[in-house]
């Protein structure tokens, strides 16, 4: 009887120990599972944090580089605008120019202020740089528009000056016959001379007095080999007695471009250039508008 009681107690103890072991194992497994889940969550969170941190660092670096480049561009554009304004200020109504600093923004005005102990976090810095770059870009766009307007004004001004026929059409030479009344060098009678005759060596180059469009190039009666140029704004120039013409009708020429060569063709007594200037269809004395050199 005692032996059976002893066996029963041993069996119960073994069962109790087994149950405790099973419960302990289950608790351990649950703990390990929860730790693993926590680790996975922490690992995923860390990975997301790491990626976000890297992305923020890249974005901050790009914004900083863009900021520096835009500041340099702003400085260059502002300097160009000021140069253009200075180039125009003597020849254009000042009311069209405005204040020299009206659309020029110094990059120094965008430099972050110095002093203070507060350190900005990365998100705030990115936000500030983004807003700053947007502001600088708007200033650059405004200055570009201003520069474009100035360039248009300058091109218009230079174009008008280039087309005005004020260039003396040859290098040197002697005035052999002036504008106005004179004695016909061949028929000996009185005539009205509509241009000036400039005596030079045969073959000397003849230059366009202003930019324009060639309206005629070839022979023209007593003018011999002849060319005429329309300069716009009612001005026209004519060149006669050439030995050869270097342009053709319809061709656009620049001021100072060679259009022909001194000759003795047509109604002429020696190598020279007959040069006429017309305003609204009427001849005028070339000395009134040309810069004889």
C-alpha atoms as a PDB file:
ATOM      1  CA  UNK A   1       0.000   0.000   0.000  1.00  0.00           C
ATOM      2  CA  UNK A   2       2.770   2.373   0.885  1.00  0.00           C
ATOM      3  CA  UNK A   3       4.545   1.427  -2.304  1.00  0.00           C
ATOM      4  CA  UNK A   4       1.471   2.291  -4.401  1.00  0.00           C
ATOM      5  CA  UNK A   5       1.099   5.653  -2.610  1.00  0.00           C
ATOM      6  CA  UNK A   6       4.755   6.374  -3.288  1.00  0.00           C
ATOM      7  CA  UNK A   7       4.374   5.576  -6.998  1.00  0.00           C
ATOM      8  CA  UNK A   8       1.255   7.770  -7.230  1.00  0.00           C
ATOM      9  CA  UNK A   9       3.074  10.687  -5.578  1.00  0.00           C
ATOM     10  CA  UNK A  10       6.015  10.237  -7.926  1.00  0.00           C
ATOM     11  CA  UNK A  11       3.680  10.203 -10.914  1.00  0.00           C
ATOM     12  CA  UNK A  12       1.879  13.350  -9.748  1.00  0.00           C
ATOM     13  CA  UNK A  13       5.181  15.108  -9.181  1.00  0.00           C
ATOM     14  CA  UNK A  14       6.385  14.133 -12.642  1.00  0.00           C
ATOM     15  CA  UNK A  15       3.138  15.366 -14.173  1.00  0.00           C
ATOM     16  CA  UNK A  16       3.417  18.633 -12.239  1.00  0.00           C
ATOM     17  CA  UNK A  17       6.984  19.096 -13.368  1.00  0.00           C
ATOM     18  CA  UNK A  18       6.022  18.320 -16.985  1.00  0.00           C
ATOM     19  CA  UNK A  19       3.115  20.760 -16.856  1.00  0.00           C
ATOM     20  CA  UNK A  20       5.333  23.440 -15.407  1.00  0.00           C
ATOM     21  CA  UNK A  21       7.906  22.782 -18.103  1.00  0.00           C
ATOM     22  CA  UNK A  22       5.258  22.991 -20.796  1.00  0.00           C
ATOM     23  CA  UNK A  23       3.888  26.260 -19.384  1.00  0.00           C
ATOM     24  CA  UNK A  24       7.421  27.648 -19.093  1.00  0.00           C
ATOM     25  CA  UNK A  25       8.240  26.624 -22.635  1.00  0.00           C
ATOM     26  CA  UNK A  26       5.021  28.163 -23.896  1.00  0.00           C
ATOM     27  CA  UNK A  27       5.811  31.381 -22.022  1.00  0.00           C
ATOM     28  CA  UNK A  28       9.331  31.394 -23.381  1.00  0.00           C
ATOM     29  CA  UNK A  29       8.089  30.873 -26.924  1.00  0.00           C
ATOM     30  CA  UNK A  30       5.509  33.628 -26.501  1.00  0.00           C
ATOM     31  CA  UNK A  31       8.195  35.937 -25.146  1.00  0.00           C
ATOM     32  CA  UNK A  32      10.552  35.123 -27.974  1.00  0.00           C
ATOM     33  CA  UNK A  33       7.748  35.607 -30.504  1.00  0.00           C
ATOM     34  CA  UNK A  34       6.824  38.977 -29.065  1.00  0.00           C
ATOM     35  CA  UNK A  35      10.483  40.007 -29.007  1.00  0.00           C
ATOM     36  CA  UNK A  36      10.895  38.921 -32.616  1.00  0.00           C
ATOM     37  CA  UNK A  37       7.786  40.888 -33.644  1.00  0.00           C
ATOM     38  CA  UNK A  38       9.057  43.915 -31.732  1.00  0.00           C
ATOM     39  CA  UNK A  39      12.462  43.554 -33.361  1.00  0.00           C
ATOM     40  CA  UNK A  40      10.909  43.326 -36.790  1.00  0.00           C
ATOM     41  CA  UNK A  41       8.796  46.411 -36.146  1.00  0.00           C
ATOM     42  CA  UNK A  42      11.787  48.258 -34.750  1.00  0.00           C
ATOM     43  CA  UNK A  43      13.931  47.133 -37.690  1.00  0.00           C
ATOM     44  CA  UNK A  44      11.309  48.266 -40.197  1.00  0.00           C
ATOM     45  CA  UNK A  45      10.939  51.574 -38.398  1.00  0.00           C
ATOM     46  CA  UNK A  46      14.687  52.043 -38.290  1.00  0.00           C
ATOM     47  CA  UNK A  47      15.006  51.219 -41.970  1.00  0.00           C
ATOM     48  CA  UNK A  48      12.283  53.746 -42.807  1.00  0.00           C
ATOM     49  CA  UNK A  49      13.993  56.323 -40.583  1.00  0.00           C
ATOM     50  CA  UNK A  50      17.334  55.617 -42.252  1.00  0.00           C
ATOM     51  CA  UNK A  51      15.837  55.994 -45.732  1.00  0.00           C
ATOM     52  CA  UNK A  52      14.047  59.205 -44.782  1.00  0.00           C
ATOM     53  CA  UNK A  53      17.212  60.560 -43.244  1.00  0.00           C
ATOM     54  CA  UNK A  54      19.195  59.790 -46.393  1.00  0.00           C
ATOM     55  CA  UNK A  55      16.473  61.329 -48.587  1.00  0.00           C
ATOM     56  CA  UNK A  56      16.410  64.472 -46.416  1.00  0.00           C
ATOM     57  CA  UNK A  57      20.188  64.713 -46.573  1.00  0.00           C
ATOM     58  CA  UNK A  58      20.135  64.432 -50.374  1.00  0.00           C
ATOM     59  CA  UNK A  59      17.309  66.986 -50.626  1.00  0.00           C
ATOM     60  CA  UNK A  60      19.093  69.393 -48.300  1.00  0.00           C
ATOM     61  CA  UNK A  61      22.324  69.047 -50.280  1.00  0.00           C
ATOM     62  CA  UNK A  62      20.487  69.656 -53.579  1.00  0.00           C
ATOM     63  CA  UNK A  63      18.607  72.664 -52.193  1.00  0.00           C
ATOM     64  CA  UNK A  64      21.845  74.147 -50.871  1.00  0.00           C
ATOM     65  CA  UNK A  65      23.597  73.670 -54.213  1.00  0.00           C
ATOM     66  CA  UNK A  66      20.616  75.127 -56.099  1.00  0.00           C
ATOM     67  CA  UNK A  67      20.563  78.053 -53.708  1.00  0.00           C
ATOM     68  CA  UNK A  68      24.235  78.827 -54.261  1.00  0.00           C
ATOM     69  CA  UNK A  69      23.910  78.529 -58.043  1.00  0.00           C
ATOM     70  CA  UNK A  70      20.831  80.754 -58.145  1.00  0.00           C
ATOM     71  CA  UNK A  71      22.603  83.368 -56.050  1.00  0.00           C
ATOM     72  CA  UNK A  72      25.513  83.368 -58.515  1.00  0.00           C
ATOM     73  CA  UNK A  73      23.093  83.606 -61.448  1.00  0.00           C
ATOM     74  CA  UNK A  74      21.287  86.454 -59.726  1.00  0.00           C
ATOM     75  CA  UNK A  75      24.543  88.349 -59.290  1.00  0.00           C
ATOM     76  CA  UNK A  76      25.551  87.854 -62.932  1.00  0.00           C
ATOM     77  CA  UNK A  77      22.137  88.880 -64.258  1.00  0.00           C
ATOM     78  CA  UNK A  78      22.023  91.910 -61.968  1.00  0.00           C
ATOM     79  CA  UNK A  79      25.463  93.013 -63.155  1.00  0.00           C
ATOM     80  CA  UNK A  80      24.422  92.562 -66.793  1.00  0.00           C
ATOM     81  CA  UNK A  81      21.258  94.579 -66.222  1.00  0.00           C
ATOM     82  CA  UNK A  82      23.238  97.437 -64.661  1.00  0.00           C
ATOM     83  CA  UNK A  83      25.691  97.456 -67.582  1.00  0.00           C
ATOM     84  CA  UNK A  84      22.837  97.582 -70.069  1.00  0.00           C
ATOM     85  CA  UNK A  85      21.195 100.423 -68.194  1.00  0.00           C
ATOM     86  CA  UNK A  86      24.453 102.385 -68.099  1.00  0.00           C
ATOM     87  CA  UNK A  87      24.905 101.810 -71.846  1.00  0.00           C
ATOM     88  CA  UNK A  88      21.439 103.180 -72.559  1.00  0.00           C
ATOM     89  CA  UNK A  89      21.109 105.922 -69.984  1.00  0.00           C
ATOM     90  CA  UNK A  90      22.529 108.657 -72.220  1.00  0.00           C
ATOM     91  CA  UNK A  91      20.387 107.817 -75.223  1.00  0.00           C
ATOM     92  CA  UNK A  92      17.063 106.678 -73.821  1.00  0.00           C
ATOM     93  CA  UNK A  93      14.434 108.555 -71.888  1.00  0.00           C
ATOM     94  CA  UNK A  94      15.263 107.968 -68.213  1.00  0.00           C
ATOM     95  CA  UNK A  95      11.632 107.325 -67.434  1.00  0.00           C
ATOM     96  CA  UNK A  96      11.930 104.076 -69.377  1.00  0.00           C
ATOM     97  CA  UNK A  97      14.887 102.914 -67.324  1.00  0.00           C
ATOM     98  CA  UNK A  98      13.475 103.176 -63.815  1.00  0.00           C
ATOM     99  CA  UNK A  99      15.601 102.836 -60.724  1.00  0.00           C
ATOM    100  CA  UNK A 100      18.875 101.053 -61.340  1.00  0.00           C
ATOM    101  CA  UNK A 101      18.195  98.872 -58.335  1.00  0.00           C
ATOM    102  CA  UNK A 102      14.474  98.369 -58.904  1.00  0.00           C
ATOM    103  CA  UNK A 103      14.797  94.853 -60.225  1.00  0.00           C
ATOM    104  CA  UNK A 104      18.342  94.097 -59.141  1.00  0.00           C
ATOM    105  CA  UNK A 105      18.521  92.104 -55.952  1.00  0.00           C
ATOM    106  CA  UNK A 106      21.861  91.582 -54.325  1.00  0.00           C
ATOM    107  CA  UNK A 107      22.531  87.999 -53.333  1.00  0.00           C
ATOM    108  CA  UNK A 108      23.695  89.295 -49.955  1.00  0.00           C
ATOM    109  CA  UNK A 109      20.078  90.063 -49.147  1.00  0.00           C
ATOM    110  CA  UNK A 110      19.391  86.334 -49.225  1.00  0.00           C
ATOM    111  CA  UNK A 111      22.267  85.297 -46.984  1.00  0.00           C
ATOM    112  CA  UNK A 112      20.971  83.760 -43.734  1.00  0.00           C
ATOM    113  CA  UNK A 113      21.436  86.086 -40.781  1.00  0.00           C
ATOM    114  CA  UNK A 114      24.352  85.513 -38.460  1.00  0.00           C
ATOM    115  CA  UNK A 115      24.267  85.332 -34.665  1.00  0.00           C
ATOM    116  CA  UNK A 116      22.065  83.556 -32.159  1.00  0.00           C
ATOM    117  CA  UNK A 117      22.438  80.136 -30.599  1.00  0.00           C
ATOM    118  CA  UNK A 118      19.391  78.446 -32.096  1.00  0.00           C
ATOM    119  CA  UNK A 119      20.195  75.515 -34.379  1.00  0.00           C
ATOM    120  CA  UNK A 120      17.536  74.792 -36.971  1.00  0.00           C
ATOM    121  CA  UNK A 121      16.481  71.197 -37.480  1.00  0.00           C
ATOM    122  CA  UNK A 122      16.785  69.625 -40.904  1.00  0.00           C
ATOM    123  CA  UNK A 123      13.088  69.837 -41.769  1.00  0.00           C
ATOM    124  CA  UNK A 124      12.975  73.559 -40.939  1.00  0.00           C
ATOM    125  CA  UNK A 125      16.144  74.193 -42.940  1.00  0.00           C
ATOM    126  CA  UNK A 126      14.716  72.376 -45.963  1.00  0.00           C
ATOM    127  CA  UNK A 127      11.496  74.365 -45.687  1.00  0.00           C
ATOM    128  CA  UNK A 128      13.393  77.656 -45.467  1.00  0.00           C
ATOM    129  CA  UNK A 129      15.674  76.839 -48.401  1.00  0.00           C
ATOM    130  CA  UNK A 130      12.699  75.768 -50.528  1.00  0.00           C
ATOM    131  CA  UNK A 131      10.904  79.052 -49.865  1.00  0.00           C
ATOM    132  CA  UNK A 132      14.103  81.025 -50.375  1.00  0.00           C
ATOM    133  CA  UNK A 133      14.877  79.364 -53.697  1.00  0.00           C
ATOM    134  CA  UNK A 134      11.350  80.056 -54.886  1.00  0.00           C
ATOM    135  CA  UNK A 135      11.794  83.713 -53.987  1.00  0.00           C
ATOM    136  CA  UNK A 136      15.175  83.947 -55.715  1.00  0.00           C
ATOM    137  CA  UNK A 137      13.749  82.297 -58.832  1.00  0.00           C
ATOM    138  CA  UNK A 138      10.969  84.864 -59.022  1.00  0.00           C
ATOM    139  CA  UNK A 139      13.569  87.627 -58.728  1.00  0.00           C
ATOM    140  CA  UNK A 140      15.700  86.036 -61.447  1.00  0.00           C
ATOM    141  CA  UNK A 141      12.676  85.744 -63.752  1.00  0.00           C
ATOM    142  CA  UNK A 142      11.788  89.397 -63.125  1.00  0.00           C
ATOM    143  CA  UNK A 143      15.353  90.522 -63.825  1.00  0.00           C
ATOM    144  CA  UNK A 144      15.519  88.387 -66.979  1.00  0.00           C
ATOM    145  CA  UNK A 145      12.376  90.109 -68.222  1.00  0.00           C
ATOM    146  CA  UNK A 146      13.925  93.497 -67.456  1.00  0.00           C
ATOM    147  CA  UNK A 147      17.139  92.551 -69.273  1.00  0.00           C
ATOM    148  CA  UNK A 148      15.116  91.336 -72.265  1.00  0.00           C
ATOM    149  CA  UNK A 149      13.318  94.694 -72.396  1.00  0.00           C
ATOM    150  CA  UNK A 150      16.627  96.546 -72.205  1.00  0.00           C
ATOM    151  CA  UNK A 151      18.109  94.393 -74.962  1.00  0.00           C
ATOM    152  CA  UNK A 152      15.095  95.111 -77.155  1.00  0.00           C
ATOM    153  CA  UNK A 153      15.553  98.820 -76.529  1.00  0.00           C
ATOM    154  CA  UNK A 154      19.261  98.566 -77.301  1.00  0.00           C
ATOM    155  CA  UNK A 155      18.696  96.514 -80.456  1.00  0.00           C
ATOM    156  CA  UNK A 156      16.092  98.996 -81.621  1.00  0.00           C
ATOM    157  CA  UNK A 157      18.386 101.899 -80.890  1.00  0.00           C
ATOM    158  CA  UNK A 158      21.448 100.305 -82.498  1.00  0.00           C
ATOM    159  CA  UNK A 159      19.373  99.205 -85.468  1.00  0.00           C
ATOM    160  CA  UNK A 160      18.058 102.722 -85.998  1.00  0.00           C
ATOM    161  CA  UNK A 161      21.546 104.186 -85.718  1.00  0.00           C
ATOM    162  CA  UNK A 162      23.006 101.539 -88.015  1.00  0.00           C
ATOM    163  CA  UNK A 163      20.432 102.240 -90.716  1.00  0.00           C
ATOM    164  CA  UNK A 164      20.870 106.021 -90.590  1.00  0.00           C
ATOM    165  CA  UNK A 165      23.086 106.855 -93.629  1.00  0.00           C
ATOM    166  CA  UNK A 166      25.692 108.986 -91.879  1.00  0.00           C
ATOM    167  CA  UNK A 167      28.836 107.075 -92.885  1.00  0.00           C
ATOM    168  CA  UNK A 168      31.106 108.618 -95.506  1.00  0.00           C
ATOM    169  CA  UNK A 169      31.054 106.060 -98.333  1.00  0.00           C
ATOM    170  CA  UNK A 170      34.794 105.994 -99.124  1.00  0.00           C
ATOM    171  CA  UNK A 171      38.138 106.278 -97.406  1.00  0.00           C
ATOM    172  CA  UNK A 172      39.523 109.719 -98.088  1.00  0.00           C
ATOM    173  CA  UNK A 173      39.144 111.197-101.547  1.00  0.00           C
ATOM    174  CA  UNK A 174      38.785 114.742-102.803  1.00  0.00           C
ATOM    175  CA  UNK A 175      35.484 116.528-103.396  1.00  0.00           C
ATOM    176  CA  UNK A 176      35.669 117.350-107.060  1.00  0.00           C
ATOM    177  CA  UNK A 177      32.102 118.658-107.280  1.00  0.00           C
ATOM    178  CA  UNK A 178      29.818 119.720-104.423  1.00  0.00           C
ATOM    179  CA  UNK A 179      26.057 119.484-104.017  1.00  0.00           C
ATOM    180  CA  UNK A 180      23.951 122.170-105.723  1.00  0.00           C
ATOM    181  CA  UNK A 181      24.309 124.396-108.780  1.00  0.00           C
ATOM    182  CA  UNK A 182      27.383 123.942-110.959  1.00  0.00           C
ATOM    183  CA  UNK A 183      28.675 124.066-114.509  1.00  0.00           C
ATOM    184  CA  UNK A 184      28.180 120.809-116.356  1.00  0.00           C
ATOM    185  CA  UNK A 185      31.701 119.289-116.635  1.00  0.00           C
ATOM    186  CA  UNK A 186      30.948 117.936-120.130  1.00  0.00           C
ATOM    187  CA  UNK A 187      28.280 120.144-121.742  1.00  0.00           C
ATOM    188  CA  UNK A 188      29.555 123.308-119.963  1.00  0.00           C
ATOM    189  CA  UNK A 189      26.010 124.503-119.229  1.00  0.00           C
ATOM    190  CA  UNK A 190      24.466 125.183-115.801  1.00  0.00           C
ATOM    191  CA  UNK A 191      22.999 122.217-113.929  1.00  0.00           C
ATOM    192  CA  UNK A 192      21.866 121.290-110.474  1.00  0.00           C
ATOM    193  CA  UNK A 193      24.121 118.616-109.001  1.00  0.00           C
ATOM    194  CA  UNK A 194      22.056 116.283-106.770  1.00  0.00           C
ATOM    195  CA  UNK A 195      25.010 114.725-104.955  1.00  0.00           C
ATOM    196  CA  UNK A 196      28.729 115.069-104.371  1.00  0.00           C
ATOM    197  CA  UNK A 197      31.519 113.772-106.585  1.00  0.00           C
ATOM    198  CA  UNK A 198      34.436 112.232-104.709  1.00  0.00           C
ATOM    199  CA  UNK A 199      37.591 111.726-106.782  1.00  0.00           C
ATOM    200  CA  UNK A 200      39.624 108.639-105.840  1.00  0.00           C
ATOM    201  CA  UNK A 201      41.899 106.067-107.396  1.00  0.00           C
ATOM    202  CA  UNK A 202      40.233 103.594-109.711  1.00  0.00           C
ATOM    203  CA  UNK A 203      39.063 100.453-107.874  1.00  0.00           C
ATOM    204  CA  UNK A 204      38.896 101.962-104.358  1.00  0.00           C
ATOM    205  CA  UNK A 205      36.160 100.299-102.265  1.00  0.00           C
ATOM    206  CA  UNK A 206      32.786 101.988-101.761  1.00  0.00           C
ATOM    207  CA  UNK A 207      30.916 101.391 -98.492  1.00  0.00           C
ATOM    208  CA  UNK A 208      27.224 101.457 -97.623  1.00  0.00           C
ATOM    209  CA  UNK A 209      26.495 104.708 -95.785  1.00  0.00           C
ATOM    210  CA  UNK A 210      24.005 102.857 -93.586  1.00  0.00           C
ATOM    211  CA  UNK A 211      22.371  99.482 -93.160  1.00  0.00           C
ATOM    212  CA  UNK A 212      19.499  98.765 -95.502  1.00  0.00           C
ATOM    213  CA  UNK A 213      18.232  96.881 -98.531  1.00  0.00           C
ATOM    214  CA  UNK A 214      19.707  97.219-102.006  1.00  0.00           C
ATOM    215  CA  UNK A 215      16.916  98.388-104.324  1.00  0.00           C
ATOM    216  CA  UNK A 216      18.955  98.470-107.537  1.00  0.00           C
ATOM    217  CA  UNK A 217      22.365  97.210-108.637  1.00  0.00           C
ATOM    218  CA  UNK A 218      23.545  97.440-112.242  1.00  0.00           C
ATOM    219  CA  UNK A 219      23.758 100.032-115.019  1.00  0.00           C
ATOM    220  CA  UNK A 220      21.587 103.136-114.830  1.00  0.00           C
ATOM    221  CA  UNK A 221      22.024 105.504-117.783  1.00  0.00           C
ATOM    222  CA  UNK A 222      24.378 108.389-117.085  1.00  0.00           C
ATOM    223  CA  UNK A 223      25.104 107.018-113.620  1.00  0.00           C
ATOM    224  CA  UNK A 224      26.969 104.136-115.224  1.00  0.00           C
ATOM    225  CA  UNK A 225      27.307 101.157-112.907  1.00  0.00           C
ATOM    226  CA  UNK A 226      25.034 102.103-110.082  1.00  0.00           C
ATOM    227  CA  UNK A 227      23.577 100.962-106.746  1.00  0.00           C
ATOM    228  CA  UNK A 228      20.836 102.349-104.522  1.00  0.00           C
ATOM    229  CA  UNK A 229      20.021 101.412-100.917  1.00  0.00           C
ATOM    230  CA  UNK A 230      16.791 101.927 -98.968  1.00  0.00           C
ATOM    231  CA  UNK A 231      17.616 102.640 -95.307  1.00  0.00           C
ATOM    232  CA  UNK A 232      14.057 102.976 -94.052  1.00  0.00           C
ATOM    233  CA  UNK A 233      12.503 106.004 -92.363  1.00  0.00           C
ATOM    234  CA  UNK A 234      12.405 107.775 -95.747  1.00  0.00           C
ATOM    235  CA  UNK A 235      16.177 107.683 -96.361  1.00  0.00           C
ATOM    236  CA  UNK A 236      17.861 106.380 -99.493  1.00  0.00           C
ATOM    237  CA  UNK A 237      21.412 106.601-100.857  1.00  0.00           C
ATOM    238  CA  UNK A 238      22.686 106.239-104.432  1.00  0.00           C
ATOM    239  CA  UNK A 239      26.145 105.466-105.760  1.00  0.00           C
ATOM    240  CA  UNK A 240      27.186 106.049-109.385  1.00  0.00           C
ATOM    241  CA  UNK A 241      30.039 105.675-111.886  1.00  0.00           C
ATOM    242  CA  UNK A 242      31.368 102.515-110.226  1.00  0.00           C
ATOM    243  CA  UNK A 243      33.750 100.163-111.986  1.00  0.00           C
ATOM    244  CA  UNK A 244      31.905  97.172-110.522  1.00  0.00           C
ATOM    245  CA  UNK A 245      29.062  96.490-108.128  1.00  0.00           C
ATOM    246  CA  UNK A 246      29.480  93.985-105.275  1.00  0.00           C
ATOM    247  CA  UNK A 247      25.825  93.571-104.277  1.00  0.00           C
ATOM    248  CA  UNK A 248      22.534  92.683-105.914  1.00  0.00           C
ATOM    249  CA  UNK A 249      18.970  93.971-105.697  1.00  0.00           C
ATOM    250  CA  UNK A 250      17.091  92.696-102.658  1.00  0.00           C
ATOM    251  CA  UNK A 251      20.251  92.073-100.679  1.00  0.00           C
ATOM    252  CA  UNK A 252      20.457  93.414 -97.121  1.00  0.00           C
ATOM    253  CA  UNK A 253      23.689  95.215 -96.308  1.00  0.00           C
ATOM    254  CA  UNK A 254      25.266  96.441 -93.110  1.00  0.00           C
ATOM    255  CA  UNK A 255      26.634  99.905 -92.534  1.00  0.00           C
ATOM    256  CA  UNK A 256      30.203  99.976 -93.846  1.00  0.00           C
ATOM    257  CA  UNK A 257      29.791  96.905 -96.050  1.00  0.00           C
ATOM    258  CA  UNK A 258      31.559  97.075 -99.431  1.00  0.00           C
ATOM    259  CA  UNK A 259      28.956  97.535-102.170  1.00  0.00           C
ATOM    260  CA  UNK A 260      31.190  98.347-105.140  1.00  0.00           C
ATOM    261  CA  UNK A 261      34.360 100.004-106.418  1.00  0.00           C
ATOM    262  CA  UNK A 262      35.267 103.433-107.748  1.00  0.00           C
ATOM    263  CA  UNK A 263      35.166 103.662-111.523  1.00  0.00           C
ATOM    264  CA  UNK A 264      34.622 105.915-114.535  1.00  0.00           C
ATOM    265  CA  UNK A 265      31.458 104.504-116.097  1.00  0.00           C
ATOM    266  CA  UNK A 266      28.493 106.437-117.456  1.00  0.00           C
ATOM    267  CA  UNK A 267      28.494 110.222-117.769  1.00  0.00           C
ATOM    268  CA  UNK A 268      31.938 110.755-116.205  1.00  0.00           C
ATOM    269  CA  UNK A 269      35.233 112.521-116.916  1.00  0.00           C
ATOM    270  CA  UNK A 270      37.455 110.510-114.555  1.00  0.00           C
ATOM    271  CA  UNK A 271      37.412 107.929-111.755  1.00  0.00           C
ATOM    272  CA  UNK A 272      35.185 109.116-108.957  1.00  0.00           C
ATOM    273  CA  UNK A 273      32.095 108.251-106.923  1.00  0.00           C
ATOM    274  CA  UNK A 274      28.855 110.161-107.348  1.00  0.00           C
ATOM    275  CA  UNK A 275      27.100 109.942-103.985  1.00  0.00           C
ATOM    276  CA  UNK A 276      23.521 111.031-103.315  1.00  0.00           C
ATOM    277  CA  UNK A 277      21.367 111.074-100.176  1.00  0.00           C
ATOM    278  CA  UNK A 278      17.586 111.309-100.437  1.00  0.00           C
ATOM    279  CA  UNK A 279      15.058 112.043 -97.712  1.00  0.00           C
ATOM    280  CA  UNK A 280      11.420 111.261 -98.555  1.00  0.00           C
ATOM    281  CA  UNK A 281      12.327 111.213-102.241  1.00  0.00           C
ATOM    282  CA  UNK A 282      14.139 114.574-102.268  1.00  0.00           C
ATOM    283  CA  UNK A 283      17.914 114.864-102.533  1.00  0.00           C
ATOM    284  CA  UNK A 284      19.734 116.625 -99.701  1.00  0.00           C
ATOM    285  CA  UNK A 285      23.334 117.696 -99.264  1.00  0.00           C
ATOM    286  CA  UNK A 286      25.215 114.608 -97.974  1.00  0.00           C
ATOM    287  CA  UNK A 287      27.317 116.883 -95.765  1.00  0.00           C
ATOM    288  CA  UNK A 288      24.224 117.586 -93.659  1.00  0.00           C
ATOM    289  CA  UNK A 289      24.047 114.071 -92.286  1.00  0.00           C
ATOM    290  CA  UNK A 290      27.279 112.208 -93.076  1.00  0.00           C
ATOM    291  CA  UNK A 291      30.379 112.070 -90.960  1.00  0.00           C
ATOM    292  CA  UNK A 292      33.101 112.765 -93.490  1.00  0.00           C
ATOM    293  CA  UNK A 293      36.435 111.346 -92.463  1.00  0.00           C
END
